[in-house]
Amino acid sequence: MIGSGVRRFRKIAFRITIYVLAVFILIYVLAPYCWLVISSISTKADLLTIPMRWFPERPTFENFTNIFFSKGTSTTDTATQFKTAFMNSLQVAVIVTVICLVIGLMATYAFSRLRFRGRKPAFYGILAMQMLPPVALIIPLYMIVLQFRLIDKKLALVIVYLSFILPFVIWILKGYIDSIPVEMEEAARIDGCGRLRAFVYVMLPMASSGLAATTIFAFILSWNEFFYALLLTTTLASKTLPFVITEFSSKFGVDYIMTSTGGVLASLPPVLLALVFQKYIISGLTAGAVKG
């Protein structure tokens, strides 16, 4: 009886500890974003009030309208550039994501299913690109971009982003392709499918969860990239959203309210993308849970 009581106490204590840690982690992750949202609907008076208010006395969505429709009178000049920078980021992120998925799928299939000389060294060489810090590559990349006269062009961002996002995509997708039984593809080929048809009608549907997760990761990596955009862009023609948000300032200092508003708006596309692909990710997590 005493032993069972001790085990029960330990089980309850373990559960309480897990829940407490989960709550702390949740607060640690969500608190900065919640404060970002609160700051975006606050006025400057609310943010400067002492003692600090956790929620504005007069919430307002005027900041969101200013960031889209202002002409530099009620807010900073940088806010008027938000829409252009938003479209620049969207174009670059979509192009990079699509190219990474197309090339990454073909490369991953070759590394996973085909046997050719130099397969492993080539794969490990691609993974080695992930080990190099961006700051170590910026000088040679900048010289190459400068030599081809691509400075301050969105094409330069696309090419540079591919250099570090594509290896990541190949690494992620290979795990999903390797987990698909070879027998499924062989059965399709026995039934008359060629390698390409088996890849399209068998491999892709079974790897849909991996494709969804990879799409989200590739888009977020491209959307949030700041370091290369800072060094390779100079005008609004190619500036991306993370770079422009840092310029929300005036002669009196940094405009924290507009920075927060821009941060909230910049976080929406990755969130919406995750919601769109949510069912594919969940289906991948639950696949195989029930035997048919």
C-alpha atoms as a PDB file:
ATOM      1  CA  MET A   1       0.000   0.000   0.000  1.00  0.00           C
ATOM      2  CA  ILE A   2       2.809   2.400   0.912  1.00  0.00           C
ATOM      3  CA  GLY A   3       4.715   1.538  -2.263  1.00  0.00           C
ATOM      4  CA  SER A   4       1.665   2.123  -4.478  1.00  0.00           C
ATOM      5  CA  GLY A   5       0.982   5.426  -2.705  1.00  0.00           C
ATOM      6  CA  VAL A   6       4.548   6.586  -3.325  1.00  0.00           C
ATOM      7  CA  ARG A   7       4.320   5.631  -7.003  1.00  0.00           C
ATOM      8  CA  ARG A   8       1.022   7.472  -7.312  1.00  0.00           C
ATOM      9  CA  PHE A   9       2.496  10.558  -5.630  1.00  0.00           C
ATOM     10  CA  ARG A  10       5.501  10.490  -7.955  1.00  0.00           C
ATOM     11  CA  LYS A  11       3.212  10.148 -10.980  1.00  0.00           C
ATOM     12  CA  ILE A  12       1.103  13.133  -9.901  1.00  0.00           C
ATOM     13  CA  ALA A  13       4.199  15.208  -9.086  1.00  0.00           C
ATOM     14  CA  PHE A  14       5.675  14.348 -12.481  1.00  0.00           C
ATOM     15  CA  ARG A  15       2.493  15.458 -14.260  1.00  0.00           C
ATOM     16  CA  ILE A  16       2.328  18.695 -12.290  1.00  0.00           C
ATOM     17  CA  THR A  17       5.966  19.397 -13.120  1.00  0.00           C
ATOM     18  CA  ILE A  18       5.341  18.767 -16.832  1.00  0.00           C
ATOM     19  CA  TYR A  19       2.306  21.088 -16.864  1.00  0.00           C
ATOM     20  CA  VAL A  20       4.156  23.838 -14.986  1.00  0.00           C
ATOM     21  CA  LEU A  21       7.109  23.636 -17.377  1.00  0.00           C
ATOM     22  CA  ALA A  22       4.744  23.651 -20.353  1.00  0.00           C
ATOM     23  CA  VAL A  23       3.056  26.800 -19.040  1.00  0.00           C
ATOM     24  CA  PHE A  24       6.400  28.532 -18.519  1.00  0.00           C
ATOM     25  CA  ILE A  25       7.560  27.591 -22.034  1.00  0.00           C
ATOM     26  CA  LEU A  26       4.250  28.783 -23.476  1.00  0.00           C
ATOM     27  CA  ILE A  27       4.565  32.123 -21.697  1.00  0.00           C
ATOM     28  CA  TYR A  28       8.207  32.446 -22.766  1.00  0.00           C
ATOM     29  CA  VAL A  29       7.296  31.834 -26.426  1.00  0.00           C
ATOM     30  CA  LEU A  30       4.028  33.795 -26.651  1.00  0.00           C
ATOM     31  CA  ALA A  31       4.719  36.738 -24.319  1.00  0.00           C
ATOM     32  CA  PRO A  32       6.941  38.691 -26.768  1.00  0.00           C
ATOM     33  CA  TYR A  33       4.446  38.255 -29.595  1.00  0.00           C
ATOM     34  CA  CYS A  34       1.503  39.195 -27.365  1.00  0.00           C
ATOM     35  CA  TRP A  35       3.342  42.372 -26.339  1.00  0.00           C
ATOM     36  CA  LEU A  36       4.031  43.059 -30.021  1.00  0.00           C
ATOM     37  CA  VAL A  37       0.303  42.868 -30.759  1.00  0.00           C
ATOM     38  CA  ILE A  38      -0.551  45.034 -27.731  1.00  0.00           C
ATOM     39  CA  SER A  39       2.000  47.644 -28.798  1.00  0.00           C
ATOM     40  CA  SER A  40       0.575  47.722 -32.322  1.00  0.00           C
ATOM     41  CA  ILE A  41      -2.887  48.731 -31.058  1.00  0.00           C
ATOM     42  CA  SER A  42      -1.562  51.225 -28.491  1.00  0.00           C
ATOM     43  CA  THR A  43      -0.871  54.900 -28.646  1.00  0.00           C
ATOM     44  CA  LYS A  44       2.454  56.429 -27.664  1.00  0.00           C
ATOM     45  CA  ALA A  45       0.852  57.797 -24.492  1.00  0.00           C
ATOM     46  CA  ASP A  46      -0.227  54.292 -23.474  1.00  0.00           C
ATOM     47  CA  LEU A  47       3.267  52.877 -23.992  1.00  0.00           C
ATOM     48  CA  LEU A  48       4.961  55.680 -22.029  1.00  0.00           C
ATOM     49  CA  THR A  49       2.550  55.602 -19.092  1.00  0.00           C
ATOM     50  CA  ILE A  50       4.082  54.905 -15.677  1.00  0.00           C
ATOM     51  CA  PRO A  51       3.239  52.491 -14.158  1.00  0.00           C
ATOM     52  CA  MET A  52       3.165  50.380 -17.298  1.00  0.00           C
ATOM     53  CA  ARG A  53      -0.209  49.256 -18.628  1.00  0.00           C
ATOM     54  CA  TRP A  54      -0.499  45.678 -19.817  1.00  0.00           C
ATOM     55  CA  PHE A  55      -3.350  46.662 -22.117  1.00  0.00           C
ATOM     56  CA  PRO A  56      -3.969  50.084 -23.715  1.00  0.00           C
ATOM     57  CA  GLU A  57      -6.699  52.241 -22.250  1.00  0.00           C
ATOM     58  CA  ARG A  58      -7.847  53.268 -25.732  1.00  0.00           C
ATOM     59  CA  PRO A  59      -7.022  50.488 -28.240  1.00  0.00           C
ATOM     60  CA  THR A  60      -6.778  51.766 -31.792  1.00  0.00           C
ATOM     61  CA  PHE A  61      -6.254  50.237 -35.228  1.00  0.00           C
ATOM     62  CA  GLU A  62      -5.152  53.540 -36.693  1.00  0.00           C
ATOM     63  CA  ASN A  63      -1.584  52.289 -36.851  1.00  0.00           C
ATOM     64  CA  PHE A  64      -2.584  49.581 -39.341  1.00  0.00           C
ATOM     65  CA  THR A  65      -4.366  52.067 -41.600  1.00  0.00           C
ATOM     66  CA  ASN A  66      -1.439  54.501 -41.393  1.00  0.00           C
ATOM     67  CA  ILE A  67       1.064  51.875 -42.428  1.00  0.00           C
ATOM     68  CA  PHE A  68      -0.898  51.237 -45.636  1.00  0.00           C
ATOM     69  CA  PHE A  69      -2.500  54.558 -46.527  1.00  0.00           C
ATOM     70  CA  SER A  70      -0.395  57.343 -44.988  1.00  0.00           C
ATOM     71  CA  LYS A  71       1.571  59.703 -47.219  1.00  0.00           C
ATOM     72  CA  GLY A  72       4.241  60.668 -44.706  1.00  0.00           C
ATOM     73  CA  THR A  73       2.154  63.246 -42.820  1.00  0.00           C
ATOM     74  CA  SER A  74       0.805  61.326 -39.839  1.00  0.00           C
ATOM     75  CA  THR A  75       3.640  58.868 -39.582  1.00  0.00           C
ATOM     76  CA  THR A  76       7.200  58.359 -40.823  1.00  0.00           C
ATOM     77  CA  ASP A  77       8.175  58.293 -44.485  1.00  0.00           C
ATOM     78  CA  THR A  78       9.377  54.720 -44.076  1.00  0.00           C
ATOM     79  CA  ALA A  79       5.838  53.588 -43.300  1.00  0.00           C
ATOM     80  CA  THR A  80       4.764  54.555 -46.806  1.00  0.00           C
ATOM     81  CA  GLN A  81       7.310  52.066 -48.157  1.00  0.00           C
ATOM     82  CA  PHE A  82       5.719  49.153 -46.342  1.00  0.00           C
ATOM     83  CA  LYS A  83       3.543  47.953 -49.205  1.00  0.00           C
ATOM     84  CA  THR A  84       6.395  47.920 -51.714  1.00  0.00           C
ATOM     85  CA  ALA A  85       8.687  46.075 -49.322  1.00  0.00           C
ATOM     86  CA  PHE A  86       5.876  43.627 -48.518  1.00  0.00           C
ATOM     87  CA  MET A  87       5.482  42.781 -52.213  1.00  0.00           C
ATOM     88  CA  ASN A  88       9.261  42.464 -52.625  1.00  0.00           C
ATOM     89  CA  SER A  89       9.437  39.976 -49.747  1.00  0.00           C
ATOM     90  CA  LEU A  90       6.430  38.063 -51.052  1.00  0.00           C
ATOM     91  CA  GLN A  91       7.853  37.777 -54.564  1.00  0.00           C
ATOM     92  CA  VAL A  92      11.276  36.664 -53.370  1.00  0.00           C
ATOM     93  CA  ALA A  93       9.874  34.187 -50.831  1.00  0.00           C
ATOM     94  CA  VAL A  94       7.423  32.590 -53.276  1.00  0.00           C
ATOM     95  CA  ILE A  95      10.009  32.264 -56.061  1.00  0.00           C
ATOM     96  CA  VAL A  96      12.623  30.801 -53.719  1.00  0.00           C
ATOM     97  CA  THR A  97      10.120  28.367 -52.194  1.00  0.00           C
ATOM     98  CA  VAL A  98       8.877  27.098 -55.565  1.00  0.00           C
ATOM     99  CA  ILE A  99      12.386  26.653 -56.978  1.00  0.00           C
ATOM    100  CA  CYS A 100      13.555  24.901 -53.803  1.00  0.00           C
ATOM    101  CA  LEU A 101      10.630  22.468 -53.903  1.00  0.00           C
ATOM    102  CA  VAL A 102      11.037  21.619 -57.600  1.00  0.00           C
ATOM    103  CA  ILE A 103      14.809  21.197 -57.567  1.00  0.00           C
ATOM    104  CA  GLY A 104      14.824  19.768 -54.045  1.00  0.00           C
ATOM    105  CA  LEU A 105      12.302  17.058 -54.918  1.00  0.00           C
ATOM    106  CA  MET A 106      14.244  15.921 -57.981  1.00  0.00           C
ATOM    107  CA  ALA A 107      17.570  15.985 -56.146  1.00  0.00           C
ATOM    108  CA  THR A 108      16.135  14.205 -53.121  1.00  0.00           C
ATOM    109  CA  TYR A 109      14.583  11.486 -55.267  1.00  0.00           C
ATOM    110  CA  ALA A 110      17.913  10.947 -57.020  1.00  0.00           C
ATOM    111  CA  PHE A 111      19.833  10.729 -53.737  1.00  0.00           C
ATOM    112  CA  SER A 112      17.233   8.407 -52.186  1.00  0.00           C
ATOM    113  CA  ARG A 113      16.325   6.036 -55.023  1.00  0.00           C
ATOM    114  CA  LEU A 114      19.068   6.126 -57.656  1.00  0.00           C
ATOM    115  CA  ARG A 115      22.484   4.573 -57.311  1.00  0.00           C
ATOM    116  CA  PHE A 116      25.269   6.485 -59.038  1.00  0.00           C
ATOM    117  CA  ARG A 117      28.951   7.168 -58.489  1.00  0.00           C
ATOM    118  CA  GLY A 118      29.661   9.969 -56.050  1.00  0.00           C
ATOM    119  CA  ARG A 119      26.144   9.938 -54.574  1.00  0.00           C
ATOM    120  CA  LYS A 120      27.181  10.116 -50.922  1.00  0.00           C
ATOM    121  CA  PRO A 121      30.000  12.671 -51.359  1.00  0.00           C
ATOM    122  CA  ALA A 122      27.636  14.899 -53.344  1.00  0.00           C
ATOM    123  CA  PHE A 123      24.949  14.651 -50.674  1.00  0.00           C
ATOM    124  CA  TYR A 124      27.376  15.360 -47.843  1.00  0.00           C
ATOM    125  CA  GLY A 125      28.834  18.235 -49.839  1.00  0.00           C
ATOM    126  CA  ILE A 126      25.364  19.783 -50.064  1.00  0.00           C
ATOM    127  CA  LEU A 127      24.864  19.343 -46.324  1.00  0.00           C
ATOM    128  CA  ALA A 128      28.246  20.958 -45.684  1.00  0.00           C
ATOM    129  CA  MET A 129      26.806  24.212 -47.022  1.00  0.00           C
ATOM    130  CA  GLN A 130      24.594  24.333 -43.910  1.00  0.00           C
ATOM    131  CA  MET A 131      27.651  24.337 -41.655  1.00  0.00           C
ATOM    132  CA  LEU A 132      29.090  27.584 -43.024  1.00  0.00           C
ATOM    133  CA  PRO A 133      27.972  30.739 -41.179  1.00  0.00           C
ATOM    134  CA  PRO A 134      26.516  33.501 -43.383  1.00  0.00           C
ATOM    135  CA  VAL A 135      29.102  36.019 -42.205  1.00  0.00           C
ATOM    136  CA  ALA A 136      31.869  33.810 -43.638  1.00  0.00           C
ATOM    137  CA  LEU A 137      30.277  33.827 -47.089  1.00  0.00           C
ATOM    138  CA  ILE A 138      29.171  37.419 -47.387  1.00  0.00           C
ATOM    139  CA  ILE A 139      32.414  38.764 -48.915  1.00  0.00           C
ATOM    140  CA  PRO A 140      32.688  36.194 -51.763  1.00  0.00           C
ATOM    141  CA  LEU A 141      28.935  36.356 -52.369  1.00  0.00           C
ATOM    142  CA  TYR A 142      29.028  40.135 -52.463  1.00  0.00           C
ATOM    143  CA  MET A 143      31.930  40.106 -54.941  1.00  0.00           C
ATOM    144  CA  ILE A 144      30.096  37.636 -57.190  1.00  0.00           C
ATOM    145  CA  VAL A 145      26.877  39.660 -57.086  1.00  0.00           C
ATOM    146  CA  LEU A 146      28.842  42.845 -57.765  1.00  0.00           C
ATOM    147  CA  GLN A 147      30.680  41.240 -60.685  1.00  0.00           C
ATOM    148  CA  PHE A 148      27.384  40.262 -62.344  1.00  0.00           C
ATOM    149  CA  ARG A 149      25.893  43.727 -61.620  1.00  0.00           C
ATOM    150  CA  LEU A 150      23.074  42.340 -59.508  1.00  0.00           C
ATOM    151  CA  ILE A 151      23.456  44.640 -56.510  1.00  0.00           C
ATOM    152  CA  ASP A 152      20.092  46.065 -55.432  1.00  0.00           C
ATOM    153  CA  LYS A 153      18.146  43.525 -57.511  1.00  0.00           C
ATOM    154  CA  LYS A 154      15.649  40.963 -56.316  1.00  0.00           C
ATOM    155  CA  LEU A 155      17.281  38.344 -58.545  1.00  0.00           C
ATOM    156  CA  ALA A 156      20.409  38.575 -56.387  1.00  0.00           C
ATOM    157  CA  LEU A 157      18.359  37.833 -53.269  1.00  0.00           C
ATOM    158  CA  VAL A 158      16.731  34.839 -54.963  1.00  0.00           C
ATOM    159  CA  ILE A 159      20.084  33.365 -55.991  1.00  0.00           C
ATOM    160  CA  VAL A 160      21.708  33.969 -52.602  1.00  0.00           C
ATOM    161  CA  TYR A 161      18.721  32.612 -50.672  1.00  0.00           C
ATOM    162  CA  LEU A 162      18.776  29.450 -52.790  1.00  0.00           C
ATOM    163  CA  SER A 163      22.383  28.837 -51.767  1.00  0.00           C
ATOM    164  CA  PHE A 164      21.421  28.107 -48.147  1.00  0.00           C
ATOM    165  CA  ILE A 165      17.708  27.219 -48.312  1.00  0.00           C
ATOM    166  CA  LEU A 166      18.007  24.565 -51.041  1.00  0.00           C
ATOM    167  CA  PRO A 167      20.458  22.371 -49.041  1.00  0.00           C
ATOM    168  CA  PHE A 168      18.097  22.595 -46.070  1.00  0.00           C
ATOM    169  CA  VAL A 169      15.150  21.528 -48.251  1.00  0.00           C
ATOM    170  CA  ILE A 170      17.092  18.576 -49.670  1.00  0.00           C
ATOM    171  CA  TRP A 171      18.071  17.464 -46.177  1.00  0.00           C
ATOM    172  CA  ILE A 172      14.495  17.647 -44.870  1.00  0.00           C
ATOM    173  CA  LEU A 173      12.870  15.978 -47.887  1.00  0.00           C
ATOM    174  CA  LYS A 174      15.350  13.104 -47.989  1.00  0.00           C
ATOM    175  CA  GLY A 175      14.137  11.915 -44.614  1.00  0.00           C
ATOM    176  CA  TYR A 176      10.553  11.804 -45.888  1.00  0.00           C
ATOM    177  CA  ILE A 177      11.439  10.100 -49.183  1.00  0.00           C
ATOM    178  CA  ASP A 178      13.571   7.497 -47.407  1.00  0.00           C
ATOM    179  CA  SER A 179      10.642   6.679 -45.096  1.00  0.00           C
ATOM    180  CA  ILE A 180       8.405   5.714 -48.056  1.00  0.00           C
ATOM    181  CA  PRO A 181       8.681   1.961 -48.770  1.00  0.00           C
ATOM    182  CA  VAL A 182      10.408   1.204 -52.061  1.00  0.00           C
ATOM    183  CA  GLU A 183       7.869  -1.599 -52.603  1.00  0.00           C
ATOM    184  CA  MET A 184       5.102   0.973 -53.188  1.00  0.00           C
ATOM    185  CA  GLU A 185       6.965   2.448 -56.122  1.00  0.00           C
ATOM    186  CA  GLU A 186       8.006  -0.952 -57.436  1.00  0.00           C
ATOM    187  CA  ALA A 187       4.375  -2.131 -57.365  1.00  0.00           C
ATOM    188  CA  ALA A 188       3.336   0.897 -59.413  1.00  0.00           C
ATOM    189  CA  ARG A 189       6.074   0.223 -61.950  1.00  0.00           C
ATOM    190  CA  ILE A 190       5.049  -3.416 -62.222  1.00  0.00           C
ATOM    191  CA  ASP A 191       1.514  -2.219 -63.026  1.00  0.00           C
ATOM    192  CA  GLY A 192       2.871  -0.252 -65.983  1.00  0.00           C
ATOM    193  CA  CYS A 193       3.867   3.118 -64.519  1.00  0.00           C
ATOM    194  CA  GLY A 194       7.124   4.622 -65.619  1.00  0.00           C
ATOM    195  CA  ARG A 195       9.527   6.113 -63.110  1.00  0.00           C
ATOM    196  CA  LEU A 196       8.103   9.601 -63.652  1.00  0.00           C
ATOM    197  CA  ARG A 197       4.453   8.526 -63.267  1.00  0.00           C
ATOM    198  CA  ALA A 198       5.312   6.474 -60.176  1.00  0.00           C
ATOM    199  CA  PHE A 199       7.043   9.526 -58.753  1.00  0.00           C
ATOM    200  CA  VAL A 200       4.062  11.812 -59.441  1.00  0.00           C
ATOM    201  CA  TYR A 201       1.187   9.485 -58.513  1.00  0.00           C
ATOM    202  CA  VAL A 202       2.786   7.432 -55.718  1.00  0.00           C
ATOM    203  CA  MET A 203       5.709   9.273 -54.171  1.00  0.00           C
ATOM    204  CA  LEU A 204       4.304  12.803 -54.085  1.00  0.00           C
ATOM    205  CA  PRO A 205       0.952  11.939 -52.409  1.00  0.00           C
ATOM    206  CA  MET A 206       2.720   9.848 -49.784  1.00  0.00           C
ATOM    207  CA  ALA A 207       5.214  12.649 -49.123  1.00  0.00           C
ATOM    208  CA  SER A 208       2.527  15.364 -48.920  1.00  0.00           C
ATOM    209  CA  SER A 209       3.102  15.974 -45.208  1.00  0.00           C
ATOM    210  CA  GLY A 210       6.829  16.379 -45.805  1.00  0.00           C
ATOM    211  CA  LEU A 211       6.184  18.741 -48.695  1.00  0.00           C
ATOM    212  CA  ALA A 212       3.850  20.840 -46.542  1.00  0.00           C
ATOM    213  CA  ALA A 213       6.357  21.121 -43.700  1.00  0.00           C
ATOM    214  CA  THR A 214       9.208  21.855 -46.104  1.00  0.00           C
ATOM    215  CA  THR A 215       7.168  24.529 -47.880  1.00  0.00           C
ATOM    216  CA  ILE A 216       6.521  26.301 -44.600  1.00  0.00           C
ATOM    217  CA  PHE A 217      10.161  26.130 -43.499  1.00  0.00           C
ATOM    218  CA  ALA A 218      11.490  27.330 -46.870  1.00  0.00           C
ATOM    219  CA  PHE A 219       9.018  30.210 -47.002  1.00  0.00           C
ATOM    220  CA  ILE A 220       9.763  31.316 -43.435  1.00  0.00           C
ATOM    221  CA  LEU A 221      13.534  31.166 -43.968  1.00  0.00           C
ATOM    222  CA  SER A 222      13.245  33.321 -47.075  1.00  0.00           C
ATOM    223  CA  TRP A 223      10.614  35.653 -45.611  1.00  0.00           C
ATOM    224  CA  ASN A 224      12.537  36.381 -42.403  1.00  0.00           C
ATOM    225  CA  GLU A 225      16.037  36.672 -43.903  1.00  0.00           C
ATOM    226  CA  PHE A 226      17.649  39.961 -42.943  1.00  0.00           C
ATOM    227  CA  PHE A 227      21.446  39.740 -43.126  1.00  0.00           C
ATOM    228  CA  TYR A 228      21.868  39.328 -46.897  1.00  0.00           C
ATOM    229  CA  ALA A 229      19.010  41.734 -47.641  1.00  0.00           C
ATOM    230  CA  LEU A 230      20.770  44.370 -45.549  1.00  0.00           C
ATOM    231  CA  LEU A 231      24.027  44.042 -47.488  1.00  0.00           C
ATOM    232  CA  LEU A 232      22.746  43.432 -51.029  1.00  0.00           C
ATOM    233  CA  THR A 233      19.916  45.985 -51.263  1.00  0.00           C
ATOM    234  CA  THR A 234      20.092  49.754 -51.141  1.00  0.00           C
ATOM    235  CA  THR A 235      16.839  51.128 -52.580  1.00  0.00           C
ATOM    236  CA  LEU A 236      13.148  50.388 -52.248  1.00  0.00           C
ATOM    237  CA  ALA A 237      13.241  48.537 -55.572  1.00  0.00           C
ATOM    238  CA  SER A 238      14.600  45.455 -53.794  1.00  0.00           C
ATOM    239  CA  LYS A 239      14.408  46.085 -50.039  1.00  0.00           C
ATOM    240  CA  THR A 240      12.551  43.348 -48.192  1.00  0.00           C
ATOM    241  CA  LEU A 241      10.170  43.703 -45.270  1.00  0.00           C
ATOM    242  CA  PRO A 242      12.539  42.771 -42.400  1.00  0.00           C
ATOM    243  CA  PHE A 243      14.968  45.439 -43.616  1.00  0.00           C
ATOM    244  CA  VAL A 244      12.319  48.153 -44.015  1.00  0.00           C
ATOM    245  CA  ILE A 245      10.792  47.485 -40.581  1.00  0.00           C
ATOM    246  CA  THR A 246      14.125  48.346 -38.969  1.00  0.00           C
ATOM    247  CA  GLU A 247      13.957  51.762 -40.647  1.00  0.00           C
ATOM    248  CA  PHE A 248      10.755  52.837 -38.914  1.00  0.00           C
ATOM    249  CA  SER A 249      12.241  55.892 -37.267  1.00  0.00           C
ATOM    250  CA  SER A 250      11.983  59.647 -37.263  1.00  0.00           C
ATOM    251  CA  LYS A 251      14.169  62.592 -36.223  1.00  0.00           C
ATOM    252  CA  PHE A 252      12.958  62.047 -32.661  1.00  0.00           C
ATOM    253  CA  GLY A 253      14.053  58.415 -32.507  1.00  0.00           C
ATOM    254  CA  VAL A 254      12.712  54.951 -33.244  1.00  0.00           C
ATOM    255  CA  ASP A 255       8.968  54.639 -33.809  1.00  0.00           C
ATOM    256  CA  TYR A 256       8.262  51.552 -31.697  1.00  0.00           C
ATOM    257  CA  ILE A 257       4.533  51.586 -32.435  1.00  0.00           C
ATOM    258  CA  MET A 258       4.983  51.449 -36.213  1.00  0.00           C
ATOM    259  CA  THR A 259       7.740  48.869 -35.796  1.00  0.00           C
ATOM    260  CA  SER A 260       5.354  46.702 -33.775  1.00  0.00           C
ATOM    261  CA  THR A 261       2.588  47.181 -36.338  1.00  0.00           C
ATOM    262  CA  GLY A 262       4.905  46.191 -39.145  1.00  0.00           C
ATOM    263  CA  GLY A 263       6.048  43.157 -37.157  1.00  0.00           C
ATOM    264  CA  VAL A 264       2.471  41.964 -36.663  1.00  0.00           C
ATOM    265  CA  LEU A 265       1.686  42.340 -40.364  1.00  0.00           C
ATOM    266  CA  ALA A 266       4.946  40.643 -41.347  1.00  0.00           C
ATOM    267  CA  SER A 267       4.063  37.625 -39.192  1.00  0.00           C
ATOM    268  CA  LEU A 268       0.730  37.020 -40.939  1.00  0.00           C
ATOM    269  CA  PRO A 269       1.899  35.307 -44.187  1.00  0.00           C
ATOM    270  CA  PRO A 270       3.831  32.485 -42.412  1.00  0.00           C
ATOM    271  CA  VAL A 271       0.895  31.968 -40.035  1.00  0.00           C
ATOM    272  CA  LEU A 272      -1.600  31.817 -42.909  1.00  0.00           C
ATOM    273  CA  LEU A 273       0.673  29.421 -44.793  1.00  0.00           C
ATOM    274  CA  ALA A 274       0.815  27.130 -41.762  1.00  0.00           C
ATOM    275  CA  LEU A 275      -2.991  27.195 -41.485  1.00  0.00           C
ATOM    276  CA  VAL A 276      -3.389  26.330 -45.178  1.00  0.00           C
ATOM    277  CA  PHE A 277      -1.089  23.303 -44.934  1.00  0.00           C
ATOM    278  CA  GLN A 278      -2.263  22.307 -41.467  1.00  0.00           C
ATOM    279  CA  LYS A 279      -4.393  19.373 -42.623  1.00  0.00           C
ATOM    280  CA  TYR A 280      -1.502  17.900 -44.624  1.00  0.00           C
ATOM    281  CA  ILE A 281       0.861  18.135 -41.668  1.00  0.00           C
ATOM    282  CA  ILE A 282      -1.691  16.551 -39.320  1.00  0.00           C
ATOM    283  CA  SER A 283      -2.441  13.783 -41.832  1.00  0.00           C
ATOM    284  CA  GLY A 284       1.276  13.051 -42.012  1.00  0.00           C
ATOM    285  CA  LEU A 285       1.589  12.881 -38.236  1.00  0.00           C
ATOM    286  CA  THR A 286      -1.380  10.516 -37.942  1.00  0.00           C
ATOM    287  CA  ALA A 287      -0.496   8.355 -40.941  1.00  0.00           C
ATOM    288  CA  GLY A 288       0.000   4.749 -39.957  1.00  0.00           C
ATOM    289  CA  ALA A 289      -1.758   5.149 -36.637  1.00  0.00           C
ATOM    290  CA  VAL A 290      -4.595   2.902 -37.811  1.00  0.00           C
ATOM    291  CA  LYS A 291      -3.968  -0.293 -39.681  1.00  0.00           C
ATOM    292  CA  GLY A 292      -6.269  -0.914 -42.612  1.00  0.00           C
END
